[in-house]
Protein backbone atom coordinates (compact mmCIF):
# COMPACT_ATOMS: atom_id res chain seq x y z
CA MET A 1 224.27 -46.50 68.54
CA THR A 2 227.46 -44.49 68.65
CA GLU A 3 228.00 -42.31 71.70
CA SER A 4 230.23 -39.69 70.09
CA ASN A 5 227.67 -36.99 69.26
CA GLY A 6 230.20 -34.90 67.42
CA SER A 7 233.32 -36.25 69.16
CA ALA A 8 232.78 -34.49 72.52
CA ALA A 9 234.55 -36.51 75.22
CA PRO A 10 232.83 -36.76 78.63
CA GLU A 11 235.32 -34.38 80.24
CA GLN A 12 234.83 -31.87 77.41
CA TYR A 13 231.08 -32.15 77.79
CA GLU A 14 231.23 -31.42 81.51
CA GLU A 15 233.15 -28.20 80.82
CA MET A 16 230.57 -26.91 78.34
CA PRO A 17 227.98 -24.33 79.34
CA ASP A 18 224.51 -25.76 79.92
CA TRP A 19 223.05 -24.10 76.83
CA GLU A 20 225.52 -25.94 74.58
CA LYS A 21 224.95 -29.26 76.40
CA ARG A 22 221.24 -29.05 75.57
CA PHE A 23 222.02 -29.04 71.86
CA ARG A 24 224.75 -31.65 72.06
CA ALA A 25 223.05 -34.20 74.31
CA PRO A 26 221.90 -37.29 72.36
CA ARG A 27 218.24 -37.17 71.30
CA VAL A 28 215.90 -39.64 69.64
CA SER A 29 212.53 -39.36 67.93
CA LEU A 30 209.50 -41.52 68.63
CA PRO A 31 210.27 -44.83 66.88
CA ASP A 32 208.09 -45.91 63.97
CA TRP A 33 207.47 -49.67 63.89
CA ALA A 34 206.64 -52.04 61.05
CA GLN A 35 202.98 -53.04 60.99
CA ASP A 36 203.68 -56.72 60.19
CA ALA A 37 207.02 -56.91 62.01
CA PRO A 38 206.53 -54.84 65.18
CA ASP A 39 209.97 -55.68 66.57
CA ARG A 40 211.51 -53.65 63.76
CA SER A 41 211.63 -49.90 64.27
CA LEU A 42 213.06 -46.75 62.70
CA PHE A 43 213.99 -43.55 64.52
CA VAL A 44 216.00 -40.34 64.13
CA SER A 45 218.93 -39.44 66.38
CA ASN A 46 221.70 -36.87 66.60
CA ALA A 47 224.06 -39.41 68.22
CA THR A 48 226.90 -38.73 65.78
CA GLY A 49 226.45 -34.96 65.84
CA THR A 50 224.19 -35.00 62.78
CA TYR A 51 220.53 -36.03 62.71
CA GLU A 52 220.30 -39.35 60.83
CA LEU A 53 218.05 -42.42 60.54
CA TYR A 54 218.62 -45.48 62.72
CA ALA A 55 217.24 -49.04 62.54
CA TRP A 56 216.39 -50.83 65.77
CA ASP A 57 215.72 -54.54 66.12
CA ARG A 58 213.80 -54.71 69.39
CA ALA A 59 214.10 -58.50 69.59
CA THR A 60 217.90 -58.37 69.76
CA GLY A 61 218.37 -54.79 70.96
CA HIS A 62 220.65 -54.11 67.99
CA GLN A 63 220.70 -50.56 66.61
CA ARG A 64 222.54 -49.34 63.54
CA GLN A 65 222.89 -46.09 61.66
CA VAL A 66 221.10 -46.23 58.30
CA THR A 67 222.04 -42.94 56.64
CA ASP A 68 225.23 -40.92 56.77
CA ARG A 69 225.15 -37.62 54.89
CA ALA A 70 227.01 -34.39 55.49
CA ASN A 71 223.82 -32.39 56.04
CA GLY A 72 221.80 -35.11 57.75
CA THR A 73 218.64 -37.10 57.00
CA THR A 74 215.30 -37.15 58.79
CA ASP A 75 212.74 -38.24 56.16
CA GLY A 76 212.43 -42.01 56.34
CA VAL A 77 209.71 -44.68 56.25
CA LEU A 78 209.81 -48.32 57.33
CA SER A 79 207.95 -50.74 55.04
CA PRO A 80 205.02 -52.60 56.68
CA ASP A 81 206.84 -55.93 56.38
CA GLY A 82 209.92 -54.46 58.07
CA ALA A 83 212.17 -55.49 55.19
CA TRP A 84 213.06 -52.07 53.81
CA ILE A 85 213.87 -48.57 55.00
CA TRP A 86 212.96 -45.85 52.53
CA TRP A 87 214.69 -42.47 52.86
CA PHE A 88 214.50 -39.25 50.89
CA ASP A 89 217.72 -38.18 49.18
CA ASP A 90 217.87 -34.45 48.47
CA LYS A 91 220.87 -32.20 47.86
CA ASP A 92 222.15 -30.32 50.90
CA GLY A 93 218.71 -29.60 52.30
CA ASP A 94 217.01 -28.33 49.14
CA GLU A 95 214.15 -30.86 49.62
CA PHE A 96 214.27 -31.78 45.92
CA GLY A 97 215.31 -35.37 45.31
CA VAL A 98 214.35 -39.03 45.03
CA TRP A 99 213.45 -41.89 47.36
CA ARG A 100 216.04 -44.57 48.02
CA ARG A 101 215.74 -47.75 50.02
CA GLN A 102 218.02 -49.98 52.06
CA PRO A 103 217.46 -53.44 53.59
CA PHE A 104 216.55 -53.25 57.28
CA ASP A 105 219.55 -55.39 58.23
CA GLY A 106 221.91 -53.21 56.18
CA GLY A 107 223.25 -53.25 52.67
CA THR A 108 223.53 -51.12 49.59
CA ASP A 109 221.12 -48.27 48.96
CA GLU A 110 219.15 -48.58 45.72
CA PRO A 111 216.69 -46.34 43.86
CA ALA A 112 213.28 -46.98 45.39
CA THR A 113 211.23 -45.51 42.54
CA PRO A 114 213.13 -46.03 39.25
CA GLY A 115 211.46 -44.15 36.44
CA LEU A 116 210.41 -41.17 38.57
CA ASP A 117 212.49 -38.01 38.24
CA ALA A 118 213.56 -35.87 41.19
CA SER A 119 210.84 -33.76 42.82
CA TYR A 120 209.64 -32.32 46.08
CA PRO A 121 207.96 -35.05 48.16
CA ALA A 122 204.16 -35.03 48.46
CA GLY A 123 203.48 -38.05 50.64
CA LEU A 124 204.37 -41.74 50.51
CA ALA A 125 202.41 -44.89 51.35
CA LEU A 126 203.95 -48.38 51.22
CA GLY A 127 201.97 -51.56 50.63
CA ARG A 128 202.09 -54.65 52.80
CA ASP A 129 202.96 -56.81 49.79
CA GLY A 130 206.54 -55.51 49.94
CA ARG A 131 206.55 -54.25 46.36
CA THR A 132 203.84 -51.58 46.00
CA ALA A 133 204.24 -47.90 46.82
CA VAL A 134 202.10 -44.82 46.21
CA VAL A 135 204.41 -41.86 45.70
CA GLY A 136 203.41 -38.20 45.79
CA ARG A 137 205.53 -35.71 43.86
CA SER A 138 205.51 -31.96 43.34
CA THR A 139 207.39 -29.84 40.81
CA ASP A 140 207.08 -26.27 39.60
CA GLU A 141 206.34 -27.50 36.08
CA GLU A 142 203.80 -30.25 36.78
CA GLY A 143 202.15 -29.30 40.04
CA THR A 144 201.32 -32.47 41.99
CA THR A 145 201.42 -35.98 40.57
CA ILE A 146 200.82 -39.27 42.37
CA HIS A 147 202.26 -42.48 40.95
CA VAL A 148 201.91 -46.16 41.77
CA THR A 149 205.18 -48.09 41.65
CA ARG A 150 205.65 -51.84 41.86
CA HIS A 151 209.07 -53.39 42.12
CA GLY A 152 210.26 -54.52 38.71
CA GLU A 153 207.53 -52.64 36.82
CA PRO A 154 207.46 -49.08 35.40
CA PRO A 155 205.52 -46.56 37.52
CA PHE A 156 202.14 -45.33 36.34
CA GLU A 157 200.34 -42.07 37.09
CA LEU A 158 197.32 -42.18 39.37
CA TYR A 159 196.62 -38.47 39.88
CA ARG A 160 197.65 -35.06 38.53
CA HIS A 161 196.65 -31.49 39.33
CA ARG A 162 198.23 -28.02 39.26
CA GLU A 163 197.20 -27.31 42.84
CA SER A 164 198.87 -28.91 45.85
CA ALA A 165 197.90 -32.41 46.93
CA GLY A 166 199.42 -35.34 48.76
CA VAL A 167 199.20 -39.04 49.52
CA GLY A 168 197.21 -39.64 52.69
CA ASP A 169 197.27 -43.40 53.23
CA LEU A 170 196.99 -46.81 51.55
CA SER A 171 194.35 -49.23 52.81
CA HIS A 172 195.48 -52.30 54.74
CA ASP A 173 194.80 -54.60 51.79
CA GLY A 174 196.48 -52.20 49.34
CA ALA A 175 193.35 -51.70 47.26
CA LEU A 176 192.54 -48.05 48.05
CA VAL A 177 194.51 -44.86 48.40
CA ALA A 178 193.30 -41.70 50.17
CA VAL A 179 194.42 -38.39 48.65
CA GLU A 180 194.34 -34.95 50.26
CA HIS A 181 193.88 -32.28 47.58
CA THR A 182 193.26 -28.55 47.16
CA GLU A 183 191.84 -28.49 43.65
CA HIS A 184 189.44 -25.77 44.85
CA GLY A 185 192.45 -23.46 45.31
CA ASP A 186 192.47 -23.12 49.11
CA ALA A 187 195.76 -24.59 50.29
CA MET A 188 194.77 -24.19 53.95
CA HIS A 189 191.75 -26.50 53.68
CA SER A 190 192.10 -29.85 51.95
CA ALA A 191 189.36 -32.06 50.52
CA LEU A 192 189.62 -35.85 50.35
CA ARG A 193 189.33 -38.35 47.50
CA VAL A 194 189.65 -42.12 47.71
CA LEU A 195 190.85 -43.92 44.56
CA ARG A 196 191.39 -47.47 43.50
CA LEU A 197 194.86 -48.17 42.19
CA ASP A 198 193.54 -48.07 38.63
CA GLY A 199 192.62 -44.42 39.19
CA SER A 200 188.84 -44.89 39.48
CA LYS A 201 187.11 -42.88 42.20
CA VAL A 202 185.55 -44.62 45.21
CA ALA A 203 184.48 -41.69 47.36
CA GLU A 204 184.86 -37.93 47.82
CA LEU A 205 184.52 -35.71 50.86
CA ASP A 206 184.80 -31.94 50.57
CA ASP A 207 183.94 -29.57 53.41
CA THR A 208 185.05 -26.51 51.44
CA LYS A 209 181.76 -26.38 49.51
CA GLY A 210 178.25 -25.38 50.39
CA GLY A 211 178.90 -23.43 53.58
CA ALA A 212 179.64 -19.87 54.54
CA GLU A 213 183.15 -20.86 55.57
CA GLU A 214 185.64 -23.27 54.08
CA LEU A 215 186.59 -26.13 56.39
CA GLY A 216 189.51 -28.52 56.12
CA LEU A 217 189.84 -32.29 56.18
CA GLU A 218 192.87 -34.49 56.75
CA VAL A 219 193.69 -38.18 56.43
CA LEU A 220 194.62 -39.89 59.69
CA GLY A 221 194.72 -43.46 58.39
CA PHE A 222 192.81 -46.49 57.12
CA ALA A 223 191.69 -49.12 59.61
CA PRO A 224 194.50 -51.68 60.10
CA VAL A 225 192.30 -54.63 59.09
CA ASP A 226 192.09 -56.41 55.72
CA GLY A 227 188.93 -55.54 53.81
CA ASP A 228 188.04 -52.77 56.27
CA THR A 229 187.00 -49.64 54.37
CA ARG A 230 186.88 -47.32 57.39
CA LEU A 231 189.11 -44.26 57.07
CA LEU A 232 189.96 -42.16 60.10
CA ILE A 233 189.95 -38.49 59.18
CA GLY A 234 190.19 -35.09 60.85
CA HIS A 235 187.57 -32.37 60.33
CA GLN A 236 186.85 -28.78 61.44
CA ARG A 237 183.05 -28.77 61.47
CA ARG A 238 182.80 -27.56 65.07
CA GLY A 239 185.52 -24.95 64.80
CA ARG A 240 188.49 -27.12 65.75
CA TRP A 241 190.25 -30.26 64.55
CA GLU A 242 188.43 -33.45 65.59
CA PRO A 243 188.46 -37.05 64.33
CA LEU A 244 185.64 -39.01 62.71
CA VAL A 245 185.40 -42.43 61.06
CA TRP A 246 184.35 -42.38 57.40
CA ASP A 247 183.42 -45.66 55.72
CA VAL A 248 184.46 -44.96 52.15
CA ALA A 249 182.47 -47.92 50.77
CA THR A 250 179.12 -46.79 52.18
CA CYS A 251 179.97 -43.07 52.61
CA SER A 252 178.66 -43.29 56.17
CA GLU A 253 180.24 -41.20 58.91
CA THR A 254 180.66 -41.93 62.62
CA ASP A 255 181.03 -38.64 64.47
CA LEU A 256 182.92 -39.16 67.74
CA ASP A 257 182.01 -35.77 69.29
CA LEU A 258 184.51 -36.15 72.14
CA ASP A 259 183.64 -32.81 73.75
CA LEU A 260 187.28 -31.91 74.36
CA PRO A 261 188.34 -28.27 73.98
CA GLY A 262 191.20 -27.51 71.63
CA ASP A 263 192.41 -29.71 68.77
CA VAL A 264 192.03 -33.48 68.78
CA SER A 265 193.88 -35.97 66.59
CA ALA A 266 193.84 -39.77 66.58
CA GLU A 267 195.32 -42.96 65.24
CA TRP A 268 194.10 -46.56 65.22
CA TYR A 269 194.97 -49.17 67.78
CA PRO A 270 196.58 -52.06 65.86
CA ASP A 271 193.50 -54.33 66.10
CA GLY A 272 191.12 -51.61 64.86
CA SER A 273 188.98 -51.73 68.02
CA GLY A 274 189.85 -48.32 69.35
CA LEU A 275 191.56 -45.01 68.76
CA LEU A 276 194.53 -43.39 70.44
CA ILE A 277 193.46 -39.79 71.02
CA VAL A 278 195.94 -36.90 71.25
CA HIS A 279 194.30 -33.80 72.73
CA SER A 280 196.10 -30.43 72.46
CA PHE A 281 194.77 -27.47 74.39
CA GLU A 282 196.33 -24.21 75.57
CA ALA A 283 199.93 -25.25 74.77
CA ARG A 284 199.76 -28.66 76.46
CA SER A 285 198.61 -32.12 75.43
CA GLU A 286 197.27 -35.37 76.84
CA LEU A 287 196.33 -38.88 75.68
CA PHE A 288 193.13 -40.95 75.78
CA ARG A 289 191.93 -44.31 74.50
CA TYR A 290 188.56 -44.26 72.73
CA ASP A 291 186.72 -47.59 72.46
CA LEU A 292 184.72 -47.69 69.22
CA ALA A 293 182.23 -50.28 70.44
CA SER A 294 181.28 -48.62 73.73
CA ALA A 295 182.21 -45.01 72.87
CA ALA A 296 184.07 -44.90 76.20
CA LEU A 297 186.89 -42.37 76.54
CA GLU A 298 189.62 -43.38 78.98
CA ARG A 299 192.45 -41.07 80.00
CA ILE A 300 196.01 -42.35 79.59
CA THR A 301 198.18 -40.90 82.34
CA THR A 302 201.06 -38.73 81.15
CA PRO A 303 203.00 -36.00 82.99
CA PRO A 304 201.94 -32.36 82.46
CA GLY A 305 203.64 -30.99 79.36
CA THR A 306 203.59 -31.81 75.68
CA VAL A 307 203.22 -35.13 73.87
CA SER A 308 204.96 -34.60 70.53
CA GLY A 309 203.97 -37.99 69.14
CA ALA A 310 202.32 -41.22 70.28
CA THR A 311 201.70 -44.70 68.93
CA ALA A 312 199.80 -47.75 70.18
CA ARG A 313 201.70 -51.03 70.13
CA PRO A 314 200.23 -54.50 69.39
CA ASP A 315 200.23 -55.40 73.10
CA GLY A 316 197.98 -52.41 73.83
CA SER A 317 200.69 -50.28 75.40
CA VAL A 318 201.29 -46.75 74.18
CA GLU A 319 204.68 -45.21 73.45
CA TYR A 320 204.97 -41.44 73.39
CA LEU A 321 207.56 -38.66 73.08
CA TRP A 322 207.11 -36.28 76.00
CA SER A 323 208.80 -33.15 77.31
CA SER A 324 208.10 -29.92 79.16
CA ALA A 325 209.86 -26.57 79.06
CA ALA A 326 211.76 -27.60 82.19
CA ARG A 327 212.49 -31.24 81.35
CA PRO A 328 214.21 -32.66 78.24
CA PRO A 329 212.35 -35.04 75.91
CA ALA A 330 212.07 -38.76 76.57
CA VAL A 331 210.38 -41.64 74.73
CA ARG A 332 208.17 -43.25 77.36
CA SER A 333 205.69 -46.12 77.53
CA THR A 334 202.51 -46.68 79.50
CA THR A 335 204.27 -49.80 80.81
CA GLY A 336 206.38 -47.42 82.89
CA GLU A 337 209.54 -48.01 80.88
CA VAL A 338 211.72 -45.52 79.05
CA VAL A 339 211.57 -46.89 75.50
CA LEU A 340 214.76 -45.39 74.14
CA ASP A 341 217.47 -43.95 76.36
CA PRO A 342 220.34 -42.83 74.12
CA PRO A 343 223.81 -43.33 75.51
CA GLY A 344 226.05 -40.41 76.39
CA MET A 345 225.70 -37.31 78.49
CA LYS A 346 222.24 -36.12 79.52
CA SER A 347 220.78 -32.73 78.76
CA PRO A 348 220.38 -30.20 81.57
CA GLY A 349 216.84 -29.04 82.20
CA SER A 350 215.61 -25.46 82.08
CA VAL A 351 213.07 -23.25 83.83
CA PRO A 352 209.32 -23.89 83.55
CA VAL A 353 207.01 -21.67 81.55
CA GLU A 354 204.45 -19.30 83.01
CA ASP A 355 201.11 -18.88 81.23
CA VAL A 356 200.04 -15.33 80.44
CA TRP A 357 196.77 -14.29 78.82
CA VAL A 358 196.59 -10.84 77.27
CA GLU A 359 193.55 -9.08 75.80
CA GLY A 360 194.27 -8.33 72.16
CA PRO A 361 192.44 -6.79 69.19
CA GLY A 362 191.18 -10.21 68.07
CA GLY A 363 190.62 -11.86 71.45
CA ARG A 364 192.65 -13.28 74.33
CA ILE A 365 196.24 -14.07 73.38
CA HIS A 366 198.14 -16.89 75.05
CA ALA A 367 201.83 -16.32 75.73
CA LEU A 368 204.43 -18.51 77.42
CA VAL A 369 207.04 -16.77 79.58
CA GLN A 370 210.36 -18.01 80.95
CA ARG A 371 212.67 -15.98 83.14
CA PRO A 372 215.97 -16.67 84.91
CA VAL A 373 215.57 -18.17 88.36
CA GLY A 374 215.39 -15.45 91.00
CA ALA A 375 215.54 -12.61 88.47
CA THR A 376 213.40 -9.54 88.93
CA GLY A 377 212.44 -7.15 86.19
CA PRO A 378 212.73 -5.19 84.19
CA LEU A 379 214.84 -7.68 82.22
CA PRO A 380 216.26 -7.76 78.73
CA THR A 381 213.53 -9.73 77.00
CA VAL A 382 213.47 -11.88 73.88
CA PHE A 383 210.24 -12.26 71.96
CA ASP A 384 210.84 -15.61 70.26
CA ILE A 385 208.20 -15.91 67.52
CA HIS A 386 207.25 -19.35 66.21
CA GLY A 387 207.12 -20.35 62.56
CA GLY A 388 204.37 -21.96 60.56
CA PRO A 389 202.36 -19.76 60.72
CA THR A 390 199.95 -22.64 61.40
CA TRP A 391 201.87 -23.95 64.40
CA HIS A 392 202.05 -23.06 68.07
CA ASP A 393 204.51 -22.83 70.92
CA SER A 394 203.84 -25.26 73.73
CA ASP A 395 205.08 -26.32 77.13
CA ALA A 396 207.81 -28.41 75.47
CA PHE A 397 211.57 -28.48 75.80
CA ALA A 398 213.37 -26.06 73.48
CA ALA A 399 217.10 -25.52 73.60
CA ALA A 400 217.24 -22.08 71.97
CA PRO A 401 214.90 -20.25 74.40
CA ALA A 402 216.70 -21.96 77.28
CA ALA A 403 220.00 -20.54 75.98
CA TRP A 404 218.63 -17.00 76.21
CA VAL A 405 217.38 -17.65 79.76
CA ASP A 406 220.84 -18.93 80.73
CA HIS A 407 222.26 -15.59 79.57
CA GLY A 408 219.95 -13.52 81.75
CA TYR A 409 217.09 -12.83 79.36
CA ALA A 410 213.39 -13.34 79.86
CA VAL A 411 211.79 -15.15 76.92
CA VAL A 412 208.25 -14.54 75.72
CA ARG A 413 206.60 -16.76 73.10
CA VAL A 414 203.30 -15.61 71.61
CA ASN A 415 200.63 -17.84 70.08
CA TYR A 416 199.37 -15.10 67.77
CA ARG A 417 196.36 -15.33 65.45
CA GLY A 418 197.39 -17.91 62.88
CA SER A 419 198.55 -20.33 65.56
CA THR A 420 196.97 -23.77 65.91
CA GLY A 421 195.39 -25.17 69.06
CA TYR A 422 192.97 -22.30 69.73
CA GLY A 423 190.26 -23.06 67.18
CA ARG A 424 189.88 -22.72 63.44
CA ALA A 425 188.82 -19.05 63.55
CA TRP A 426 192.02 -18.13 65.40
CA THR A 427 194.14 -20.03 62.87
CA ASP A 428 192.41 -18.61 59.80
CA ALA A 429 192.25 -14.99 61.02
CA LEU A 430 195.47 -13.89 59.35
CA LYS A 431 194.23 -14.37 55.77
CA HIS A 432 194.61 -11.30 53.54
CA ARG A 433 196.22 -9.14 56.28
CA VAL A 434 199.16 -11.47 56.47
CA GLY A 435 201.86 -10.47 58.96
CA LEU A 436 199.97 -7.42 60.22
CA ILE A 437 197.46 -9.47 62.22
CA GLU A 438 200.26 -11.37 63.95
CA LEU A 439 202.15 -8.17 64.74
CA GLU A 440 199.06 -6.70 66.40
CA ASP A 441 199.00 -9.64 68.81
CA ILE A 442 202.75 -9.50 69.42
CA GLU A 443 202.43 -5.78 70.13
CA ALA A 444 199.67 -6.40 72.68
CA VAL A 445 201.84 -8.91 74.54
CA ARG A 446 204.83 -6.55 74.29
CA GLU A 447 202.79 -3.83 76.01
CA TRP A 448 201.85 -6.29 78.76
CA ALA A 449 205.49 -7.35 79.22
CA VAL A 450 206.64 -3.75 79.63
CA GLY A 451 203.66 -2.66 81.71
CA SER A 452 203.96 -5.62 84.08
CA GLY A 453 207.58 -4.79 84.86
CA LEU A 454 208.93 -7.96 83.26
CA ALA A 455 210.61 -6.37 80.23
CA ASP A 456 212.99 -3.45 79.89
CA PRO A 457 211.57 -1.44 76.94
CA ALA A 458 215.08 -0.38 75.91
CA ARG A 459 216.26 -4.00 75.66
CA LEU A 460 213.62 -5.83 73.66
CA VAL A 461 214.75 -8.41 71.10
CA LEU A 462 212.45 -9.65 68.34
CA THR A 463 213.53 -13.01 66.91
CA GLY A 464 212.22 -16.08 65.15
CA GLY A 465 212.83 -18.59 62.41
CA SER A 466 211.01 -19.18 59.13
CA TRP A 467 207.61 -17.45 59.54
CA GLY A 468 208.92 -16.17 62.86
CA GLY A 469 211.89 -14.73 60.96
CA TYR A 470 209.48 -13.10 58.52
CA LEU A 471 207.52 -11.53 61.38
CA THR A 472 210.82 -10.35 62.89
CA LEU A 473 211.83 -8.41 59.78
CA LEU A 474 208.29 -7.14 59.23
CA GLY A 475 208.07 -6.02 62.87
CA LEU A 476 211.40 -4.20 62.78
CA GLY A 477 210.16 -2.09 59.88
CA ALA A 478 206.46 -1.74 60.71
CA GLN A 479 207.09 -1.15 64.44
CA PRO A 480 210.53 0.54 64.44
CA ASP A 481 210.09 2.13 67.87
CA ALA A 482 209.16 -1.14 69.59
CA TRP A 483 212.37 -3.17 69.24
CA ALA A 484 216.00 -2.65 70.16
CA LEU A 485 217.31 -5.59 68.14
CA GLY A 486 216.16 -8.11 65.54
CA ILE A 487 217.42 -11.63 64.83
CA ALA A 488 215.79 -13.41 61.88
CA ALA A 489 216.58 -16.99 60.82
CA VAL A 490 215.62 -18.27 57.34
CA PRO A 491 213.04 -15.47 56.91
CA VAL A 492 210.77 -14.23 54.17
CA ALA A 493 212.28 -10.79 53.52
CA ASP A 494 211.04 -9.80 50.04
CA TYR A 495 207.62 -11.44 49.65
CA VAL A 496 207.28 -11.02 45.89
CA THR A 497 210.68 -12.54 45.08
CA ALA A 498 210.13 -15.23 47.69
CA TYR A 499 206.90 -16.21 45.97
CA HIS A 500 208.56 -16.54 42.57
CA ASP A 501 211.51 -18.58 43.90
CA GLU A 502 209.88 -20.86 46.48
CA MET A 503 208.68 -24.45 46.05
CA GLU A 504 205.30 -24.91 44.38
CA ALA A 505 203.40 -26.04 47.48
CA LEU A 506 204.31 -22.79 49.25
CA LYS A 507 203.23 -20.74 46.24
CA ALA A 508 199.80 -22.33 46.67
CA MET A 509 199.78 -21.45 50.37
CA ASP A 510 200.73 -17.83 49.65
CA ARG A 511 197.96 -17.53 47.05
CA THR A 512 195.53 -18.73 49.71
CA LEU A 513 196.84 -16.41 52.42
CA LEU A 514 197.04 -13.30 50.25
CA GLY A 515 194.19 -13.97 47.83
CA GLY A 516 196.20 -14.40 44.63
CA THR A 517 199.59 -14.00 42.99
CA PRO A 518 201.78 -10.88 43.23
CA GLU A 519 200.48 -9.87 39.81
CA GLU A 520 196.83 -10.32 40.85
CA VAL A 521 196.97 -8.66 44.29
CA PRO A 522 200.15 -6.52 44.28
CA GLU A 523 198.90 -4.28 47.07
CA ARG A 524 198.51 -7.23 49.47
CA PHE A 525 201.99 -8.51 48.79
CA GLU A 526 203.37 -5.00 49.20
CA ILE A 527 201.73 -4.29 52.56
CA SER A 528 202.80 -7.70 53.92
CA SER A 529 206.40 -7.64 52.68
CA PRO A 530 209.28 -6.71 55.01
CA LEU A 531 211.03 -5.14 52.02
CA THR A 532 208.33 -2.44 51.94
CA TYR A 533 209.41 -1.20 55.38
CA VAL A 534 213.15 -1.88 55.24
CA ASP A 535 214.10 1.81 55.09
CA LYS A 536 212.30 2.41 58.40
CA VAL A 537 214.34 -0.21 60.28
CA ARG A 538 216.48 1.41 62.97
CA ALA A 539 217.43 -1.54 65.17
CA PRO A 540 220.54 -3.62 64.39
CA VAL A 541 219.54 -6.68 62.35
CA TYR A 542 221.06 -10.16 62.27
CA ILE A 543 219.97 -12.58 59.53
CA SER A 544 220.93 -16.21 59.02
CA ALA A 545 220.00 -18.08 55.85
CA GLY A 546 220.49 -21.47 54.22
CA VAL A 547 221.80 -21.07 50.69
CA ASN A 548 219.79 -24.11 49.49
CA ASP A 549 216.51 -23.16 51.18
CA PRO A 550 213.46 -23.85 48.93
CA ARG A 551 211.02 -22.33 51.43
CA CYS A 552 212.63 -18.94 52.11
CA PRO A 553 215.05 -18.75 49.17
CA ILE A 554 218.33 -16.87 49.37
CA ARG A 555 217.77 -14.34 46.52
CA GLN A 556 214.92 -12.56 48.30
CA ILE A 557 217.03 -12.29 51.47
CA ASP A 558 219.89 -10.81 49.42
CA ASN A 559 217.46 -8.20 48.05
CA TYR A 560 216.58 -7.12 51.58
CA VAL A 561 220.19 -7.06 52.72
CA LYS A 562 221.19 -4.86 49.77
CA ARG A 563 218.66 -2.27 50.91
CA LEU A 564 220.15 -2.33 54.41
CA GLU A 565 223.63 -1.96 52.95
CA ALA A 566 222.59 0.95 50.72
CA ARG A 567 221.80 3.15 53.71
CA GLY A 568 224.52 1.85 56.02
CA ALA A 569 222.13 0.19 58.45
CA VAL A 570 223.72 -1.90 61.19
CA HIS A 571 223.34 -5.54 60.20
CA GLU A 572 225.12 -8.87 59.92
CA VAL A 573 224.33 -11.80 57.63
CA TYR A 574 225.36 -15.41 58.10
CA ARG A 575 224.90 -17.80 55.19
CA TYR A 576 225.38 -21.54 55.63
CA ASP A 577 225.39 -24.52 53.28
CA ALA A 578 222.04 -26.15 54.05
CA GLY A 579 218.34 -25.68 53.45
CA HIS A 580 215.57 -24.47 55.77
CA GLY A 581 217.66 -24.97 58.90
CA SER A 582 220.50 -27.34 59.70
CA LEU A 583 220.54 -30.95 60.91
CA VAL A 584 224.15 -30.67 62.10
CA VAL A 585 224.54 -30.11 65.84
CA ASP A 586 227.76 -28.07 65.58
CA GLU A 587 226.09 -25.79 63.04
CA ARG A 588 223.08 -25.26 65.28
CA ILE A 589 225.35 -24.40 68.21
CA LYS A 590 227.35 -22.00 66.04
CA GLN A 591 224.19 -20.18 64.97
CA VAL A 592 222.93 -19.74 68.53
CA ARG A 593 226.36 -18.55 69.64
CA LEU A 594 226.44 -15.95 66.83
CA GLU A 595 222.98 -14.72 67.83
CA LEU A 596 223.94 -14.39 71.49
CA GLU A 597 227.14 -12.55 70.60
CA PHE A 598 225.26 -10.18 68.27
CA ALA A 599 222.86 -9.30 71.08
CA GLU A 600 225.74 -8.83 73.51
CA ARG A 601 227.43 -6.36 71.15
CA HIS A 602 224.42 -4.30 70.18
CA LEU A 603 221.89 -4.38 72.99
CA PRO A 604 222.09 -1.44 75.43
CA ARG A 605 223.67 -2.34 78.77
């Protein structure tokens, strides 16, 4: 692997401020490994200054860069036989493109799915025979289609529906495919269907029917054994995500009932005898091994913090990507080894988070607080709001909040209603009062921050990206007296125009959240749109946007900015040539620098 990371020499790196070093330090993802060739792995790294795919031959130690594109590449899959690397080729981050493949040892890229036009991706599963793939596609015109492709043969359609769906997994013997679908119209809660590759149905599981509340299901993977029809799935039947084993041939279910609070996910051990359990609770996570024969649950020791991904290897060891707010990420193993240690300069750490619980209108709200070492309040304080909305902030390393702390700010991150990890009811609470529910929780934490003496009420910054950017613009208008400054990255700004311009899968999500289209429920779109409140915004506003963004498209941001311009409101807009965020390290650093400088100019001293 190259050590350049954007051509910064060691002496230049040492002269950089810590906040910039955190972005520029080489990083790697948790490596994926080939099921039938476990010495072959694929990972993502920013080693050249742009996030790209890398192949790693563990037997020889050789690593090589697979992709090299101006705006980076992160979507890649290693075939089970280890012979091919598939990667998704879009245009400058617009997420609309085709799959290509390249030999593991290097060579010319070739179309991986000839006969299939460009689309948004909707899942991919590769067969162990080296020639079969199940490809999910989504377009505005067709909705979701799933095709089976075999090398040298024309693709054929397996599934089609207007609502969103996706490929879950292909069975170990390549005979069955599991599909997650939302044909019932609720994009937040999927049902499952298992098909043979001729399109005939084997089994169906739908928790959205027959109860007072709709519950979701998700595919976690088929058992890694030939002829084994067990499918590991996630369910919400007890108010949180938990795994169960569903035998699709007999339709029998094995409920694990692990009695762990918070959300629980799982994957198979390679021999099918047990499950690797990932337990997330109150912004932290831990690992267990569950033995299917004895039902014994054994803790796997990991440091306190967040496990962002984990995988069990054929020798029984577990590799995992771990970090905490204070310590940068590392790929570790239960053998005690560091699995991947990228060359080059190391990232500085940051300050740990403090847990705060605040009583809110919908229940106790969990917030994570960081403050400069030795600083006493009241401090200029940044409320950094996460995206999703079905996501959560955790005790994990994050370079952007650490940059604010380095510059003397306290940082508060709020796991508002809509966040994951606190139960299904907490996640689903935002439906139909979209944006307003989240702002109520943010307001409750803001009152705590001011009342506790942490935050200076005259120097409060509201910021976030994606859904967090949306909540930033909505908060600046709906709560104009609460915030001194707003910084929104890739936001929803004009909800109606965003709906009409965004990718089809997000249209389905917005119909679920708001109860229909803008034409069917105009009042809901109006009350939840930042554009409705733009004339009430008094704080200076900074907006950054990717001109190729299919999730928060540029036209709706321009509509919002024109309204700011029309009344001479203080604002700045930065547009960059990428999609929903950038994979280029220099670009990320530039954006954070512009945000810090905007706050320095406009925040009261």
